[in-house]
Structure formats: C-alpha cells, structure tokens
Amino acid sequence: MKEEKCSVTEDIFLSVCRGYGCVHRPLDAVRVFHKMEDFQCKLTQKSYITILGILVEENRLKIAFGFYYSLMDGLCKGGHSSQAMELLDLMVSKRHKPNNITYSTLLHGFCEEGKLQEALEILDRMKLRGMKPDAGLYGKGYLHRYHKAYQIVDEMVLDGCVPDEGIWSSMVDGFWIHKKVRGPAELLQAELMSEMVDPET
C-alpha cells in the first residue's frame, strides 16, 4: 500500500489495532501503531489512548506506562492538562503510583495554561505522597497569576523550598508589567523571610 501511495487514515490503523486487541494480541497492536508514521499518518492523542486502553485491558502495564508518559507529556504540551489529569486518575485506579516526573509534567502544564488552582491541587497531591517540588516548578506558576504569588511564596517557604534568583526576577517583572507597584516591595520582604528559613528543617 505504501508503494502504491494509498491513503491510510488513522481510523483504519486504529481499527486494525483494536482488532488485535480483541483477539488478545496487544503486541501486534503496538507493532501496527509504530508503523503508522511510515505511512505519513500522524500519531494523535486518539492513537495513544487507543493503544493505552488495549495494553491496560490486556494487563501489559509495563509497556502501557511507556505510552502513558508520552501521552501525559503530549497532552500537557498541547494545552490539554485537564485531560492529562483524567489520565493520571485512570492510571492511579489501575494501581499505578505516579512519580515526581509525572506530577511535574502536570504542574508545568497547568501553570502554562494559567490554571493555578489545579496546579496547587497537584502540589497538594505531591506533598501527601512525600514528594518535594523544586523551586523551578513553583516558578512557572508566577508567570500567569501574580495575584496568587504570595500564597505560593508562603507555601514554598513553609515547605523549606527557597526560591532562586530567577523566580524572584520573574515575579518582579510580572508585577511591573501589570503595574502592581506594591508587589516588588512585598516580594523583597518575602525573600528576606525565606532566607531566615533553614531548608533542612
């Protein structure tokens, strides 16, 4: 078909994949999935979700996790972090324990989309699991919602995570852009307070 320049759509490939799934041959479904790009068929979210579903259904979780991480990253970079969150919940229901990378990917995604409330929820989940986000993760949130900055700075300091110079600089720039003159002064006060906190305590 490739030599004859026939057009093979994503739906055709996915039908073949689902067929292999129905006869309990998930590895053949994965093989077909990997051939899609050879036919100039772009891999989409739908493709990943289909293969992920087949692998999970057939209890091929180790392979499924590889697709899971790729899909999470793609969803977040594509501005679909809420769908990535649903995928996270699905994998948790299958007894998969998300790691720091998974949460960090989601956190960056929500911050890029300006969804600070969801980002804070991810931070809470990380803390409940004993994970400690680094200063860079908090920094992304500053760029979108400057009016919530104090809450996040306080949270960072309480967690023993001292913001670095780049984060303070981004914050001050954000306040000036939005003509919030009091912001930089209050940030300076927060920074001085953070320096009095021992990160190891």
C-alpha atoms as a PDB file:
ATOM      1  CA  MET A   1       0.000   0.000   0.000  1.00  0.00           C
ATOM      2  CA  LYS A   2       2.857   2.324   0.839  1.00  0.00           C
ATOM      3  CA  GLU A   3       4.418   1.809  -2.609  1.00  0.00           C
ATOM      4  CA  GLU A   4       1.049   2.343  -4.314  1.00  0.00           C
ATOM      5  CA  LYS A   5       0.648   5.644  -2.440  1.00  0.00           C
ATOM      6  CA  CYS A   6      -2.712   4.672  -0.982  1.00  0.00           C
ATOM      7  CA  SER A   7      -4.009   6.942   1.738  1.00  0.00           C
ATOM      8  CA  VAL A   8      -4.323   5.069   5.019  1.00  0.00           C
ATOM      9  CA  THR A   9      -6.037   7.055   7.748  1.00  0.00           C
ATOM     10  CA  GLU A  10      -5.571   6.946  11.492  1.00  0.00           C
ATOM     11  CA  ASP A  11      -9.001   5.338  11.889  1.00  0.00           C
ATOM     12  CA  ILE A  12      -8.011   2.428   9.630  1.00  0.00           C
ATOM     13  CA  PHE A  13      -4.843   1.799  11.633  1.00  0.00           C
ATOM     14  CA  LEU A  14      -6.713   2.029  14.924  1.00  0.00           C
ATOM     15  CA  SER A  15      -9.364  -0.417  13.689  1.00  0.00           C
ATOM     16  CA  VAL A  16      -6.576  -2.916  12.995  1.00  0.00           C
ATOM     17  CA  CYS A  17      -5.098  -2.231  16.453  1.00  0.00           C
ATOM     18  CA  ARG A  18      -8.476  -2.771  18.115  1.00  0.00           C
ATOM     19  CA  GLY A  19      -8.880  -5.990  16.129  1.00  0.00           C
ATOM     20  CA  TYR A  20      -5.606  -7.290  17.537  1.00  0.00           C
ATOM     21  CA  GLY A  21      -6.764  -6.207  20.981  1.00  0.00           C
ATOM     22  CA  CYS A  22      -9.990  -8.224  20.608  1.00  0.00           C
ATOM     23  CA  VAL A  23      -8.032 -11.402  19.853  1.00  0.00           C
ATOM     24  CA  HIS A  24      -5.627 -10.766  22.775  1.00  0.00           C
ATOM     25  CA  ARG A  25      -2.609  -9.841  20.658  1.00  0.00           C
ATOM     26  CA  PRO A  26      -1.605  -6.474  22.177  1.00  0.00           C
ATOM     27  CA  LEU A  27       1.986  -6.627  20.936  1.00  0.00           C
ATOM     28  CA  ASP A  28       0.752  -6.836  17.349  1.00  0.00           C
ATOM     29  CA  ALA A  29      -1.396  -3.771  18.063  1.00  0.00           C
ATOM     30  CA  VAL A  30       1.738  -1.953  19.256  1.00  0.00           C
ATOM     31  CA  ARG A  31       3.607  -3.066  16.108  1.00  0.00           C
ATOM     32  CA  VAL A  32       0.850  -1.598  13.901  1.00  0.00           C
ATOM     33  CA  PHE A  33       0.871   1.591  15.983  1.00  0.00           C
ATOM     34  CA  HIS A  34       4.604   2.027  15.363  1.00  0.00           C
ATOM     35  CA  LYS A  35       4.088   1.561  11.605  1.00  0.00           C
ATOM     36  CA  MET A  36       1.639   4.468  11.359  1.00  0.00           C
ATOM     37  CA  GLU A  37       4.290   7.126  10.814  1.00  0.00           C
ATOM     38  CA  ASP A  38       5.785   5.075   7.957  1.00  0.00           C
ATOM     39  CA  PHE A  39       2.541   5.863   6.116  1.00  0.00           C
ATOM     40  CA  GLN A  40       2.700   9.591   6.979  1.00  0.00           C
ATOM     41  CA  CYS A  41      -0.080   9.040   9.493  1.00  0.00           C
ATOM     42  CA  LYS A  42       0.429  11.436  12.389  1.00  0.00           C
ATOM     43  CA  LEU A  43       0.168   9.942  15.872  1.00  0.00           C
ATOM     44  CA  THR A  44      -2.537  11.787  17.784  1.00  0.00           C
ATOM     45  CA  GLN A  45      -3.955  11.725  21.270  1.00  0.00           C
ATOM     46  CA  LYS A  46      -6.614   9.317  19.985  1.00  0.00           C
ATOM     47  CA  SER A  47      -3.909   6.889  18.795  1.00  0.00           C
ATOM     48  CA  TYR A  48      -2.132   6.876  22.145  1.00  0.00           C
ATOM     49  CA  ILE A  49      -5.356   6.473  24.119  1.00  0.00           C
ATOM     50  CA  THR A  50      -6.441   3.536  21.932  1.00  0.00           C
ATOM     51  CA  ILE A  51      -3.140   1.689  22.386  1.00  0.00           C
ATOM     52  CA  LEU A  52      -3.021   2.538  26.076  1.00  0.00           C
ATOM     53  CA  GLY A  53      -6.519   1.107  26.521  1.00  0.00           C
ATOM     54  CA  ILE A  54      -5.581  -2.127  24.711  1.00  0.00           C
ATOM     55  CA  LEU A  55      -2.432  -2.583  26.792  1.00  0.00           C
ATOM     56  CA  VAL A  56      -4.194  -1.899  30.091  1.00  0.00           C
ATOM     57  CA  GLU A  57      -7.048  -4.243  29.141  1.00  0.00           C
ATOM     58  CA  GLU A  58      -4.524  -6.998  28.381  1.00  0.00           C
ATOM     59  CA  ASN A  59      -2.619  -6.262  31.609  1.00  0.00           C
ATOM     60  CA  ARG A  60       0.568  -5.277  29.741  1.00  0.00           C
ATOM     61  CA  LEU A  61       1.180  -2.490  32.235  1.00  0.00           C
ATOM     62  CA  LYS A  62       4.937  -2.138  31.779  1.00  0.00           C
ATOM     63  CA  ILE A  63       4.514  -1.287  28.090  1.00  0.00           C
ATOM     64  CA  ALA A  64       1.414   0.781  28.888  1.00  0.00           C
ATOM     65  CA  PHE A  65       3.424   3.047  31.183  1.00  0.00           C
ATOM     66  CA  GLY A  66       5.716   3.998  28.289  1.00  0.00           C
ATOM     67  CA  PHE A  67       2.695   5.149  26.293  1.00  0.00           C
ATOM     68  CA  TYR A  68       1.249   6.765  29.397  1.00  0.00           C
ATOM     69  CA  TYR A  69       4.257   9.032  29.944  1.00  0.00           C
ATOM     70  CA  SER A  70       4.379  10.024  26.270  1.00  0.00           C
ATOM     71  CA  LEU A  71       0.672  10.799  26.269  1.00  0.00           C
ATOM     72  CA  MET A  72       0.875  12.817  29.505  1.00  0.00           C
ATOM     73  CA  ASP A  73       3.697  14.907  28.086  1.00  0.00           C
ATOM     74  CA  GLY A  74       1.895  15.437  24.770  1.00  0.00           C
ATOM     75  CA  LEU A  75      -1.397  16.412  26.415  1.00  0.00           C
ATOM     76  CA  CYS A  76       0.273  18.936  28.710  1.00  0.00           C
ATOM     77  CA  LYS A  77       2.362  20.481  25.927  1.00  0.00           C
ATOM     78  CA  GLY A  78      -0.744  20.649  23.732  1.00  0.00           C
ATOM     79  CA  GLY A  79      -2.726  22.621  26.317  1.00  0.00           C
ATOM     80  CA  HIS A  80      -4.864  19.670  27.454  1.00  0.00           C
ATOM     81  CA  SER A  81      -3.699  19.331  31.057  1.00  0.00           C
ATOM     82  CA  SER A  82      -7.211  18.600  32.341  1.00  0.00           C
ATOM     83  CA  GLN A  83      -7.317  15.514  30.111  1.00  0.00           C
ATOM     84  CA  ALA A  84      -3.847  14.579  31.353  1.00  0.00           C
ATOM     85  CA  MET A  85      -5.226  14.805  34.893  1.00  0.00           C
ATOM     86  CA  GLU A  86      -8.041  12.396  33.950  1.00  0.00           C
ATOM     87  CA  LEU A  87      -5.429  10.030  32.523  1.00  0.00           C
ATOM     88  CA  LEU A  88      -3.459  10.273  35.767  1.00  0.00           C
ATOM     89  CA  ASP A  89      -6.572   9.345  37.750  1.00  0.00           C
ATOM     90  CA  LEU A  90      -7.205   6.400  35.402  1.00  0.00           C
ATOM     91  CA  MET A  91      -3.693   5.062  35.945  1.00  0.00           C
ATOM     92  CA  VAL A  92      -3.982   5.566  39.720  1.00  0.00           C
ATOM     93  CA  SER A  93      -7.184   3.484  39.603  1.00  0.00           C
ATOM     94  CA  LYS A  94      -5.063   0.748  37.954  1.00  0.00           C
ATOM     95  CA  ARG A  95      -2.733   0.895  40.982  1.00  0.00           C
ATOM     96  CA  HIS A  96      -0.006   2.852  39.221  1.00  0.00           C
ATOM     97  CA  LYS A  97       1.850   5.232  41.547  1.00  0.00           C
ATOM     98  CA  PRO A  98       2.708   8.487  39.751  1.00  0.00           C
ATOM     99  CA  ASN A  99       6.272   9.666  40.208  1.00  0.00           C
ATOM    100  CA  ASN A 100       7.766  13.133  40.547  1.00  0.00           C
ATOM    101  CA  ILE A 101       8.197  13.445  36.767  1.00  0.00           C
ATOM    102  CA  THR A 102       4.501  12.759  36.159  1.00  0.00           C
ATOM    103  CA  TYR A 103       3.409  15.352  38.699  1.00  0.00           C
ATOM    104  CA  SER A 104       5.980  17.853  37.443  1.00  0.00           C
ATOM    105  CA  THR A 105       4.692  17.449  33.878  1.00  0.00           C
ATOM    106  CA  LEU A 106       1.137  18.138  35.038  1.00  0.00           C
ATOM    107  CA  LEU A 107       2.221  21.036  37.210  1.00  0.00           C
ATOM    108  CA  HIS A 108       4.043  22.711  34.325  1.00  0.00           C
ATOM    109  CA  GLY A 109       1.052  22.093  32.060  1.00  0.00           C
ATOM    110  CA  PHE A 110      -1.470  23.690  34.405  1.00  0.00           C
ATOM    111  CA  CYS A 111       0.811  26.659  35.009  1.00  0.00           C
ATOM    112  CA  GLU A 112       1.329  27.201  31.283  1.00  0.00           C
ATOM    113  CA  GLU A 113      -2.462  27.226  30.860  1.00  0.00           C
ATOM    114  CA  GLY A 114      -2.848  29.686  33.742  1.00  0.00           C
ATOM    115  CA  LYS A 115      -4.804  27.163  35.846  1.00  0.00           C
ATOM    116  CA  LEU A 116      -3.275  27.962  39.207  1.00  0.00           C
ATOM    117  CA  GLN A 117      -5.962  26.252  41.297  1.00  0.00           C
ATOM    118  CA  GLU A 118      -5.296  22.948  39.525  1.00  0.00           C
ATOM    119  CA  ALA A 119      -1.538  23.487  39.893  1.00  0.00           C
ATOM    120  CA  LEU A 120      -1.981  23.965  43.640  1.00  0.00           C
ATOM    121  CA  GLU A 121      -4.008  20.740  43.763  1.00  0.00           C
ATOM    122  CA  ILE A 122      -1.078  18.912  42.147  1.00  0.00           C
ATOM    123  CA  LEU A 123       1.268  20.432  44.737  1.00  0.00           C
ATOM    124  CA  ASP A 124      -1.023  19.136  47.485  1.00  0.00           C
ATOM    125  CA  ARG A 125      -1.007  15.653  45.957  1.00  0.00           C
ATOM    126  CA  MET A 126       2.786  15.721  45.791  1.00  0.00           C
ATOM    127  CA  LYS A 127       3.054  16.721  49.433  1.00  0.00           C
ATOM    128  CA  LEU A 128       0.617  13.991  50.509  1.00  0.00           C
ATOM    129  CA  ARG A 129       2.897  11.451  48.810  1.00  0.00           C
ATOM    130  CA  GLY A 130       6.019  12.859  50.411  1.00  0.00           C
ATOM    131  CA  MET A 131       7.312  14.423  47.191  1.00  0.00           C
ATOM    132  CA  LYS A 132       9.007  17.783  47.344  1.00  0.00           C
ATOM    133  CA  PRO A 133       8.714  20.056  44.300  1.00  0.00           C
ATOM    134  CA  ASP A 134      11.760  22.120  43.429  1.00  0.00           C
ATOM    135  CA  ALA A 135      11.839  25.888  43.175  1.00  0.00           C
ATOM    136  CA  GLY A 136      11.627  25.790  39.374  1.00  0.00           C
ATOM    137  CA  LEU A 137       8.225  24.117  39.487  1.00  0.00           C
ATOM    138  CA  TYR A 138       6.785  26.859  41.637  1.00  0.00           C
ATOM    139  CA  GLY A 139       8.307  29.477  39.360  1.00  0.00           C
ATOM    140  CA  LYS A 140       6.132  28.582  36.380  1.00  0.00           C
ATOM    141  CA  GLY A 141       3.006  29.494  38.315  1.00  0.00           C
ATOM    142  CA  TYR A 142       4.236  33.002  38.949  1.00  0.00           C
ATOM    143  CA  LEU A 143       4.209  33.992  35.314  1.00  0.00           C
ATOM    144  CA  HIS A 144       0.437  33.648  34.964  1.00  0.00           C
ATOM    145  CA  ARG A 145      -1.250  34.621  38.202  1.00  0.00           C
ATOM    146  CA  TYR A 146       0.765  37.265  40.011  1.00  0.00           C
ATOM    147  CA  HIS A 147      -2.098  37.949  42.494  1.00  0.00           C
ATOM    148  CA  LYS A 148      -1.646  34.419  43.905  1.00  0.00           C
ATOM    149  CA  ALA A 149       2.115  34.773  44.211  1.00  0.00           C
ATOM    150  CA  TYR A 150       2.172  35.486  47.923  1.00  0.00           C
ATOM    151  CA  GLN A 151       0.251  32.310  48.674  1.00  0.00           C
ATOM    152  CA  ILE A 152       2.744  30.255  46.678  1.00  0.00           C
ATOM    153  CA  VAL A 153       5.778  32.031  48.149  1.00  0.00           C
ATOM    154  CA  ASP A 154       4.440  31.343  51.648  1.00  0.00           C
ATOM    155  CA  GLU A 155       3.868  27.713  50.718  1.00  0.00           C
ATOM    156  CA  MET A 156       7.393  27.404  49.344  1.00  0.00           C
ATOM    157  CA  VAL A 157       8.945  28.863  52.465  1.00  0.00           C
ATOM    158  CA  LEU A 158       6.857  26.628  54.743  1.00  0.00           C
ATOM    159  CA  ASP A 159       7.958  23.606  52.700  1.00  0.00           C
ATOM    160  CA  GLY A 160      11.585  24.646  53.081  1.00  0.00           C
ATOM    161  CA  CYS A 161      11.908  25.383  49.364  1.00  0.00           C
ATOM    162  CA  VAL A 162      13.742  28.677  48.892  1.00  0.00           C
ATOM    163  CA  PRO A 163      13.003  30.465  45.588  1.00  0.00           C
ATOM    164  CA  ASP A 164      16.035  31.164  43.439  1.00  0.00           C
ATOM    165  CA  GLU A 165      17.090  34.415  41.768  1.00  0.00           C
ATOM    166  CA  GLY A 166      15.313  33.588  38.505  1.00  0.00           C
ATOM    167  CA  ILE A 167      11.974  33.165  40.247  1.00  0.00           C
ATOM    168  CA  TRP A 168      12.286  36.451  42.131  1.00  0.00           C
ATOM    169  CA  SER A 169      13.248  38.205  38.911  1.00  0.00           C
ATOM    170  CA  SER A 170      10.227  36.764  37.048  1.00  0.00           C
ATOM    171  CA  MET A 171       7.948  37.832  39.867  1.00  0.00           C
ATOM    172  CA  VAL A 172       9.208  41.397  39.971  1.00  0.00           C
ATOM    173  CA  ASP A 173       8.944  41.671  36.171  1.00  0.00           C
ATOM    174  CA  GLY A 174       5.364  40.389  36.355  1.00  0.00           C
ATOM    175  CA  PHE A 175       4.384  42.981  38.914  1.00  0.00           C
ATOM    176  CA  TRP A 176       5.888  45.839  36.897  1.00  0.00           C
ATOM    177  CA  ILE A 177       4.185  44.655  33.707  1.00  0.00           C
ATOM    178  CA  HIS A 178       0.835  44.640  35.499  1.00  0.00           C
ATOM    179  CA  LYS A 179       1.605  47.973  37.218  1.00  0.00           C
ATOM    180  CA  LYS A 180       1.399  46.495  40.707  1.00  0.00           C
ATOM    181  CA  VAL A 181       3.867  48.815  42.430  1.00  0.00           C
ATOM    182  CA  ARG A 182       3.441  47.305  45.900  1.00  0.00           C
ATOM    183  CA  GLY A 183       4.312  43.860  44.605  1.00  0.00           C
ATOM    184  CA  PRO A 184       8.109  44.170  44.362  1.00  0.00           C
ATOM    185  CA  ALA A 185       8.363  45.633  47.869  1.00  0.00           C
ATOM    186  CA  GLU A 186       6.289  42.821  49.332  1.00  0.00           C
ATOM    187  CA  LEU A 187       8.304  40.275  47.370  1.00  0.00           C
ATOM    188  CA  LEU A 188      11.502  41.657  48.851  1.00  0.00           C
ATOM    189  CA  GLN A 189      10.003  41.192  52.303  1.00  0.00           C
ATOM    190  CA  ALA A 190       9.034  37.589  51.438  1.00  0.00           C
ATOM    191  CA  GLU A 191      12.534  36.915  50.117  1.00  0.00           C
ATOM    192  CA  LEU A 192      14.126  38.219  53.300  1.00  0.00           C
ATOM    193  CA  MET A 193      11.797  35.985  55.319  1.00  0.00           C
ATOM    194  CA  SER A 194      12.659  32.964  53.171  1.00  0.00           C
ATOM    195  CA  GLU A 195      16.363  33.470  53.830  1.00  0.00           C
ATOM    196  CA  MET A 196      15.671  33.072  57.539  1.00  0.00           C
ATOM    197  CA  VAL A 197      14.199  29.599  56.958  1.00  0.00           C
ATOM    198  CA  ASP A 198      16.528  26.633  57.116  1.00  0.00           C
ATOM    199  CA  PRO A 199      15.631  24.457  54.071  1.00  0.00           C
ATOM    200  CA  GLU A 200      16.610  21.333  56.039  1.00  0.00           C
ATOM    201  CA  THR A 201      14.030  21.936  58.804  1.00  0.00           C
END
